């Protein structure tokens, strides 16, 4: 975590000032530190360069942690399949298993092996039309962000695809955020391997209660993350409006309201940002002035399942072939 962020961080629980005790730094990067709130006494930690700023009052489901635990437990029980996944020839693995191998190797620190395993997998998991659209949206966001002074905060960073592109584009300081410390640790290891970590800080943050001061962030971004916030989506949009003094850019594949398979499920489930119209209304209610920069209807297909591990998939949506609206939104 870059030490320069200390000036714009506050207690996410009560918004009080933080008192910092720095144990280890590397140049301008904090590796080990503690921050205590002067008002409520809450303590937040920086460990291995990753700052953790979660509050205990919000419920969260860490799908990254669940996926890793499920994968590890299954492989521990089936050493023969473990050998096939981790040691067998890559060309004999299906795309999902190559992705699982990549993530497992990233977790264990073998970044070179992980990069080799994941090479070309994206093109095999998704339709060409969706891949082409995401390439366009990601390039557009990276280009726009490169003109901002920073810090640029990426919300729900996940695997860090957009963060890496922004780092490559020469953006100012980028802050990758997610409420999963595991996925941020993976992201940091990849960036260190690629020599891009100097541009990126990693903070464990819940978008509903962030540690940033009012209007401290000139640019926010999110690729396939923001619209996946289900619990407290309106709170997250209002919180991001509070901390952002500039622009929010996010991309998402929205279900069409007339989709006969997915729309009824999403409505029954109560997903607040499942449809573009709902997302635009939610942005407006939270005080954002939003416009669509890129929009294209693209075919989507269910991602294939693992050949080695039952029911293991990269994405659990969509459930059937469909057409979604791939969109890049800008809001200020």
Protein backbone atom coordinates (compact mmCIF):
# COMPACT_ATOMS: atom_id res chain seq x y z
CA UNK A 1 0.00 0.00 0.00
CA UNK A 2 1.45 3.34 -1.03
CA UNK A 3 2.13 5.66 1.87
CA UNK A 4 0.67 8.60 -0.06
CA UNK A 5 -2.79 7.08 0.46
CA UNK A 6 -2.57 7.73 4.20
CA UNK A 7 -3.63 11.33 3.58
CA UNK A 8 -6.99 10.33 2.06
CA UNK A 9 -7.89 7.39 4.32
CA UNK A 10 -10.24 7.47 7.28
CA UNK A 11 -12.05 4.96 9.46
CA UNK A 12 -14.67 3.23 7.29
CA UNK A 13 -16.83 2.53 10.36
CA UNK A 14 -17.22 6.07 11.76
CA UNK A 15 -15.12 8.25 9.39
CA UNK A 16 -12.79 9.25 12.19
CA UNK A 17 -9.14 10.12 11.72
CA UNK A 18 -6.60 7.31 11.72
CA UNK A 19 -3.42 7.17 13.78
CA UNK A 20 -0.71 5.21 11.97
CA UNK A 21 2.03 3.00 13.39
CA UNK A 22 4.35 1.96 10.55
CA UNK A 23 6.49 -1.12 11.16
CA UNK A 24 8.01 -1.75 7.73
CA UNK A 25 8.16 0.17 4.48
CA UNK A 26 9.92 -0.21 1.14
CA UNK A 27 10.51 3.25 -0.22
CA UNK A 28 7.06 4.82 -0.45
CA UNK A 29 5.21 1.52 0.05
CA UNK A 30 3.90 0.38 3.43
CA UNK A 31 4.47 -3.34 3.95
CA UNK A 32 3.51 -3.72 7.62
CA UNK A 33 1.51 -1.13 9.56
CA UNK A 34 -1.45 -0.61 11.89
CA UNK A 35 -3.99 2.20 11.78
CA UNK A 36 -6.25 2.91 14.76
CA UNK A 37 -9.28 5.19 14.72
CA UNK A 38 -8.98 8.11 17.11
CA UNK A 39 -12.77 8.20 17.57
CA UNK A 40 -14.08 4.62 17.78
CA UNK A 41 -10.84 2.72 18.42
CA UNK A 42 -11.19 0.34 15.45
CA UNK A 43 -7.87 -1.06 14.22
CA UNK A 44 -6.97 -1.75 10.59
CA UNK A 45 -3.86 -3.53 9.36
CA UNK A 46 -1.45 -3.51 6.45
CA UNK A 47 0.11 -6.93 5.95
CA UNK A 48 2.40 -8.01 3.11
CA UNK A 49 1.69 -4.66 1.46
CA UNK A 50 -2.11 -5.12 1.44
CA UNK A 51 -4.24 -2.80 3.57
CA UNK A 52 -7.41 -4.26 5.14
CA UNK A 53 -10.25 -1.82 5.85
CA UNK A 54 -13.36 -3.94 6.42
CA UNK A 55 -15.96 -3.22 9.07
CA UNK A 56 -17.43 -6.14 11.07
CA UNK A 57 -21.06 -5.05 10.72
CA UNK A 58 -21.52 -5.94 7.01
CA UNK A 59 -22.24 -9.49 5.89
CA UNK A 60 -20.16 -10.78 2.97
CA UNK A 61 -19.84 -13.98 0.95
CA UNK A 62 -16.29 -14.43 -0.30
CA UNK A 63 -16.75 -16.54 -3.42
CA UNK A 64 -12.99 -16.49 -4.13
CA UNK A 65 -12.31 -18.05 -0.74
CA UNK A 66 -15.09 -20.60 -1.19
CA UNK A 67 -13.83 -21.59 -4.64
CA UNK A 68 -10.25 -22.06 -3.43
CA UNK A 69 -11.38 -24.07 -0.39
CA UNK A 70 -13.59 -26.28 -2.54
CA UNK A 71 -10.81 -26.85 -5.06
CA UNK A 72 -8.17 -27.57 -2.42
CA UNK A 73 -10.38 -29.96 -0.47
CA UNK A 74 -11.31 -31.87 -3.59
CA UNK A 75 -7.72 -32.20 -4.78
CA UNK A 76 -6.59 -33.32 -1.33
CA UNK A 77 -9.12 -36.15 -1.50
CA UNK A 78 -8.21 -37.10 -5.08
CA UNK A 79 -4.41 -37.02 -5.47
CA UNK A 80 -4.61 -38.64 -8.91
CA UNK A 81 -6.74 -35.77 -10.23
CA UNK A 82 -4.48 -33.31 -8.47
CA UNK A 83 -1.52 -34.70 -10.42
CA UNK A 84 -3.45 -34.43 -13.71
CA UNK A 85 -4.48 -30.83 -12.97
CA UNK A 86 -1.14 -29.54 -11.73
CA UNK A 87 1.48 -31.73 -13.40
CA UNK A 88 -0.08 -33.05 -16.61
CA UNK A 89 0.50 -31.55 -20.07
CA UNK A 90 -1.42 -28.31 -20.58
CA UNK A 91 -2.67 -29.40 -23.97
CA UNK A 92 -4.59 -32.24 -22.33
CA UNK A 93 -6.58 -29.89 -20.07
CA UNK A 94 -9.92 -28.30 -20.91
CA UNK A 95 -10.10 -24.47 -20.65
CA UNK A 96 -11.72 -24.43 -17.21
CA UNK A 97 -9.12 -26.80 -15.83
CA UNK A 98 -6.36 -24.65 -17.27
CA UNK A 99 -7.88 -21.65 -15.47
CA UNK A 100 -8.09 -23.63 -12.22
CA UNK A 101 -4.49 -24.70 -12.63
CA UNK A 102 -3.49 -21.08 -13.19
CA UNK A 103 -5.26 -19.84 -10.08
CA UNK A 104 -3.87 -22.66 -7.95
CA UNK A 105 -0.33 -21.94 -9.14
CA UNK A 106 -0.80 -18.21 -8.51
CA UNK A 107 -1.84 -19.02 -4.97
CA UNK A 108 1.29 -21.11 -4.46
CA UNK A 109 3.55 -18.42 -5.92
CA UNK A 110 4.37 -20.02 -9.29
CA UNK A 111 3.37 -17.02 -11.37
CA UNK A 112 5.28 -18.09 -14.49
CA UNK A 113 3.45 -21.43 -14.49
CA UNK A 114 0.15 -19.68 -13.84
CA UNK A 115 0.65 -17.30 -16.76
CA UNK A 116 1.48 -20.17 -19.07
CA UNK A 117 -1.60 -22.13 -17.98
CA UNK A 118 -4.01 -19.22 -18.52
CA UNK A 119 -2.64 -18.07 -21.88
CA UNK A 120 -5.43 -18.09 -24.49
CA UNK A 121 -8.06 -19.42 -22.08
CA UNK A 122 -10.20 -16.26 -22.15
CA UNK A 123 -10.86 -16.71 -25.87
CA UNK A 124 -12.03 -20.28 -25.29
CA UNK A 125 -14.35 -19.52 -22.36
CA UNK A 126 -16.42 -16.70 -23.89
CA UNK A 127 -17.97 -15.91 -27.26
CA UNK A 128 -15.83 -13.97 -29.76
CA UNK A 129 -18.36 -11.14 -29.74
CA UNK A 130 -18.18 -10.76 -25.96
CA UNK A 131 -14.39 -10.92 -25.94
CA UNK A 132 -14.20 -8.26 -28.66
CA UNK A 133 -16.58 -5.98 -26.77
CA UNK A 134 -14.66 -6.33 -23.49
CA UNK A 135 -11.39 -5.59 -25.27
CA UNK A 136 -12.93 -2.36 -26.57
CA UNK A 137 -14.38 -1.36 -23.18
CA UNK A 138 -11.20 -2.18 -21.28
CA UNK A 139 -9.02 -0.26 -23.73
CA UNK A 140 -11.37 2.72 -23.49
CA UNK A 141 -11.28 2.73 -19.69
CA UNK A 142 -7.50 2.37 -19.64
CA UNK A 143 -7.15 5.28 -22.06
CA UNK A 144 -9.47 7.56 -20.09
CA UNK A 145 -7.87 6.67 -16.76
CA UNK A 146 -4.39 7.43 -18.07
CA UNK A 147 -5.33 11.10 -18.22
CA UNK A 148 -6.27 11.32 -14.54
CA UNK A 149 -3.79 12.42 -11.87
CA UNK A 150 -4.80 9.60 -9.54
CA UNK A 151 -5.34 7.80 -7.42
CA UNK A 152 -7.70 5.75 -9.58
CA UNK A 153 -9.71 3.34 -7.44
CA UNK A 154 -10.86 0.12 -9.09
CA UNK A 155 -13.95 -1.34 -7.41
CA UNK A 156 -14.46 -5.10 -7.04
CA UNK A 157 -11.22 -5.74 -8.92
CA UNK A 158 -11.49 -9.54 -8.93
CA UNK A 159 -8.80 -11.09 -11.13
CA UNK A 160 -7.42 -7.62 -11.84
CA UNK A 161 -7.76 -7.57 -15.64
CA UNK A 162 -8.55 -3.86 -15.79
CA UNK A 163 -5.97 -2.97 -13.13
CA UNK A 164 -3.21 -4.62 -15.15
CA UNK A 165 -4.27 -2.82 -18.33
CA UNK A 166 -4.34 0.55 -16.56
CA UNK A 167 -0.88 -0.12 -15.14
CA UNK A 168 0.38 -0.97 -18.63
CA UNK A 169 -1.19 2.23 -20.01
CA UNK A 170 0.91 4.32 -17.64
CA UNK A 171 -1.89 5.50 -15.38
CA UNK A 172 -1.06 7.28 -12.15
CA UNK A 173 -1.43 5.42 -8.86
CA UNK A 174 -4.09 2.72 -9.12
CA UNK A 175 -5.85 1.27 -6.08
CA UNK A 176 -7.18 -2.25 -6.59
CA UNK A 177 -9.99 -3.02 -4.14
CA UNK A 178 -12.05 -6.08 -3.30
CA UNK A 179 -13.41 -7.51 -0.07
CA UNK A 180 -11.52 -10.77 -0.74
CA UNK A 181 -7.97 -10.60 0.57
CA UNK A 182 -7.22 -13.84 -1.28
CA UNK A 183 -7.98 -12.42 -4.72
CA UNK A 184 -6.01 -9.23 -3.96
CA UNK A 185 -3.04 -11.31 -2.86
CA UNK A 186 -3.18 -13.15 -6.19
CA UNK A 187 -3.36 -9.85 -8.05
CA UNK A 188 -0.39 -8.40 -6.20
CA UNK A 189 1.72 -11.48 -6.90
CA UNK A 190 1.00 -11.23 -10.63
CA UNK A 191 1.85 -7.52 -10.70
CA UNK A 192 5.10 -8.11 -8.83
CA UNK A 193 6.01 -10.79 -11.35
CA UNK A 194 5.24 -8.45 -14.27
CA UNK A 195 7.10 -5.52 -12.74
CA UNK A 196 3.92 -3.40 -12.50
CA UNK A 197 3.39 -3.40 -8.74
CA UNK A 198 4.97 0.04 -8.37
CA UNK A 199 1.87 1.66 -9.85
CA UNK A 200 -0.71 -0.30 -7.83
CA UNK A 201 -1.88 -0.40 -4.22
CA UNK A 202 -4.14 -3.16 -2.91
CA UNK A 203 -6.83 -2.45 -0.30
CA UNK A 204 -9.39 -4.85 1.14
CA UNK A 205 -12.49 -2.67 0.93
CA UNK A 206 -16.25 -3.11 0.94
CA UNK A 207 -17.82 -0.68 -1.53
CA UNK A 208 -20.68 -0.04 0.91
CA UNK A 209 -18.32 1.43 3.54
CA UNK A 210 -15.01 2.58 2.11
CA UNK A 211 -12.06 4.17 3.97
CA UNK A 212 -11.75 7.13 1.59
CA UNK A 213 -12.39 10.75 2.53
CA UNK A 214 -15.11 12.82 0.84
CA UNK A 215 -14.39 13.52 -2.85
CA UNK A 216 -10.83 12.24 -2.43
CA UNK A 217 -10.90 10.02 -5.52
CA UNK A 218 -10.74 11.67 -8.97
CA UNK A 219 -11.65 8.49 -10.86
CA UNK A 220 -13.37 5.18 -10.08
CA UNK A 221 -13.46 2.15 -12.36
CA UNK A 222 -14.93 -1.34 -12.36
CA UNK A 223 -15.00 -4.14 -14.92
CA UNK A 224 -17.76 -6.72 -14.38
CA UNK A 225 -17.71 -6.03 -10.65
CA UNK A 226 -19.86 -3.06 -9.66
CA UNK A 227 -23.13 -4.39 -11.06
CA UNK A 228 -22.55 -7.71 -9.29
CA UNK A 229 -23.02 -6.06 -5.90
CA UNK A 230 -26.32 -7.48 -4.70
CA UNK A 231 -26.65 -6.74 -0.99
CA UNK A 232 -26.68 -3.00 -0.38
CA UNK A 233 -26.19 -1.95 -4.00
CA UNK A 234 -27.85 1.43 -3.42
CA UNK A 235 -25.62 1.98 -0.38
CA UNK A 236 -22.55 1.18 -2.50
CA UNK A 237 -23.52 3.63 -5.24
CA UNK A 238 -24.18 6.36 -2.67
CA UNK A 239 -20.88 5.65 -0.91
CA UNK A 240 -18.95 5.79 -4.19
CA UNK A 241 -20.69 9.08 -5.00
CA UNK A 242 -19.47 10.43 -1.62
CA UNK A 243 -15.81 9.59 -2.23
CA UNK A 244 -15.61 10.39 -5.94
CA UNK A 245 -14.75 13.92 -7.02
CA UNK A 246 -14.65 13.01 -10.71
CA UNK A 247 -15.77 10.18 -12.95
CA UNK A 248 -16.95 6.59 -12.49
CA UNK A 249 -16.40 4.19 -15.39
CA UNK A 250 -17.81 0.67 -15.32
CA UNK A 251 -18.59 -2.12 -17.73
CA UNK A 252 -21.07 -4.93 -17.36
CA UNK A 253 -23.08 -7.47 -19.36
CA UNK A 254 -26.69 -6.74 -18.48
CA UNK A 255 -29.48 -9.25 -18.86
CA UNK A 256 -32.25 -8.17 -21.21
CA UNK A 257 -35.65 -7.65 -19.52
CA UNK A 258 -37.34 -9.94 -22.03
CA UNK A 259 -34.89 -12.82 -21.57
CA UNK A 260 -37.17 -15.84 -20.95
CA UNK A 261 -34.60 -17.79 -18.90
CA UNK A 262 -32.55 -15.33 -16.88
CA UNK A 263 -34.83 -12.32 -16.35
CA UNK A 264 -37.43 -14.18 -14.21
CA UNK A 265 -34.67 -15.68 -12.05
CA UNK A 266 -32.98 -12.33 -11.50
CA UNK A 267 -36.29 -10.66 -10.63
CA UNK A 268 -37.19 -13.43 -8.19
CA UNK A 269 -33.73 -13.25 -6.66
CA UNK A 270 -34.12 -9.49 -6.31
CA UNK A 271 -30.89 -8.51 -8.05
CA UNK A 272 -31.01 -4.68 -7.93
CA UNK A 273 -28.61 -3.98 -10.84
CA UNK A 274 -29.36 -6.91 -13.14
CA UNK A 275 -30.87 -4.78 -15.93
CA UNK A 276 -29.40 -1.67 -17.53
CA UNK A 277 -32.50 0.45 -16.94
CA UNK A 278 -32.49 -0.45 -13.23
CA UNK A 279 -28.78 0.32 -12.96
CA UNK A 280 -29.20 3.74 -14.59
CA UNK A 281 -32.10 4.57 -12.26
CA UNK A 282 -30.05 3.46 -9.24
CA UNK A 283 -27.17 5.67 -10.34
CA UNK A 284 -29.52 8.63 -10.71
CA UNK A 285 -31.01 8.02 -7.25
CA UNK A 286 -27.50 7.96 -5.76
CA UNK A 287 -26.71 11.37 -7.28
CA UNK A 288 -24.80 10.28 -10.37
CA UNK A 289 -25.26 11.76 -13.83
CA UNK A 290 -24.70 8.68 -16.01
CA UNK A 291 -24.45 8.06 -19.74
CA UNK A 292 -23.78 5.01 -21.87
CA UNK A 293 -20.52 5.30 -23.84
CA UNK A 294 -20.55 1.88 -25.51
CA UNK A 295 -23.47 -0.51 -25.90
CA UNK A 296 -23.70 -3.66 -27.97
CA UNK A 297 -25.93 -6.71 -27.84
CA UNK A 298 -23.74 -9.80 -27.83
CA UNK A 299 -24.37 -13.54 -27.70
CA UNK A 300 -23.34 -15.26 -24.47
CA UNK A 301 -23.02 -18.93 -23.60
CA UNK A 302 -22.60 -20.85 -20.35
CA UNK A 303 -18.93 -21.34 -19.57
CA UNK A 304 -17.89 -25.00 -19.77
CA UNK A 305 -17.53 -27.11 -16.65
CA UNK A 306 -14.34 -28.69 -15.39
CA UNK A 307 -13.52 -32.12 -16.71
CA UNK A 308 -11.70 -33.07 -13.50
CA UNK A 309 -13.74 -31.47 -10.72
CA UNK A 310 -17.53 -31.93 -10.67
CA UNK A 311 -19.67 -28.77 -11.00
CA UNK A 312 -16.63 -26.46 -11.05
CA UNK A 313 -17.11 -23.62 -13.55
CA UNK A 314 -15.50 -20.22 -14.10
CA UNK A 315 -18.85 -18.36 -14.15
CA UNK A 316 -22.21 -19.65 -12.98
CA UNK A 317 -24.06 -17.25 -15.27
CA UNK A 318 -25.52 -17.39 -17.89
CA UNK A 319 -27.43 -20.63 -17.50
CA UNK A 320 -28.29 -20.95 -21.20
CA UNK A 321 -27.46 -19.38 -24.55
CA UNK A 322 -28.73 -15.82 -24.63
CA UNK A 323 -28.07 -12.27 -25.74
CA UNK A 324 -26.90 -9.74 -23.14
CA UNK A 325 -26.30 -6.00 -23.46
CA UNK A 326 -22.59 -5.34 -23.01
CA UNK A 327 -22.26 -1.76 -21.82
CA UNK A 328 -19.66 0.80 -20.75
CA UNK A 329 -21.14 3.51 -18.52
CA UNK A 330 -19.60 6.82 -17.45
CA UNK A 331 -21.01 8.72 -14.50
CA UNK A 332 -20.02 11.93 -12.76
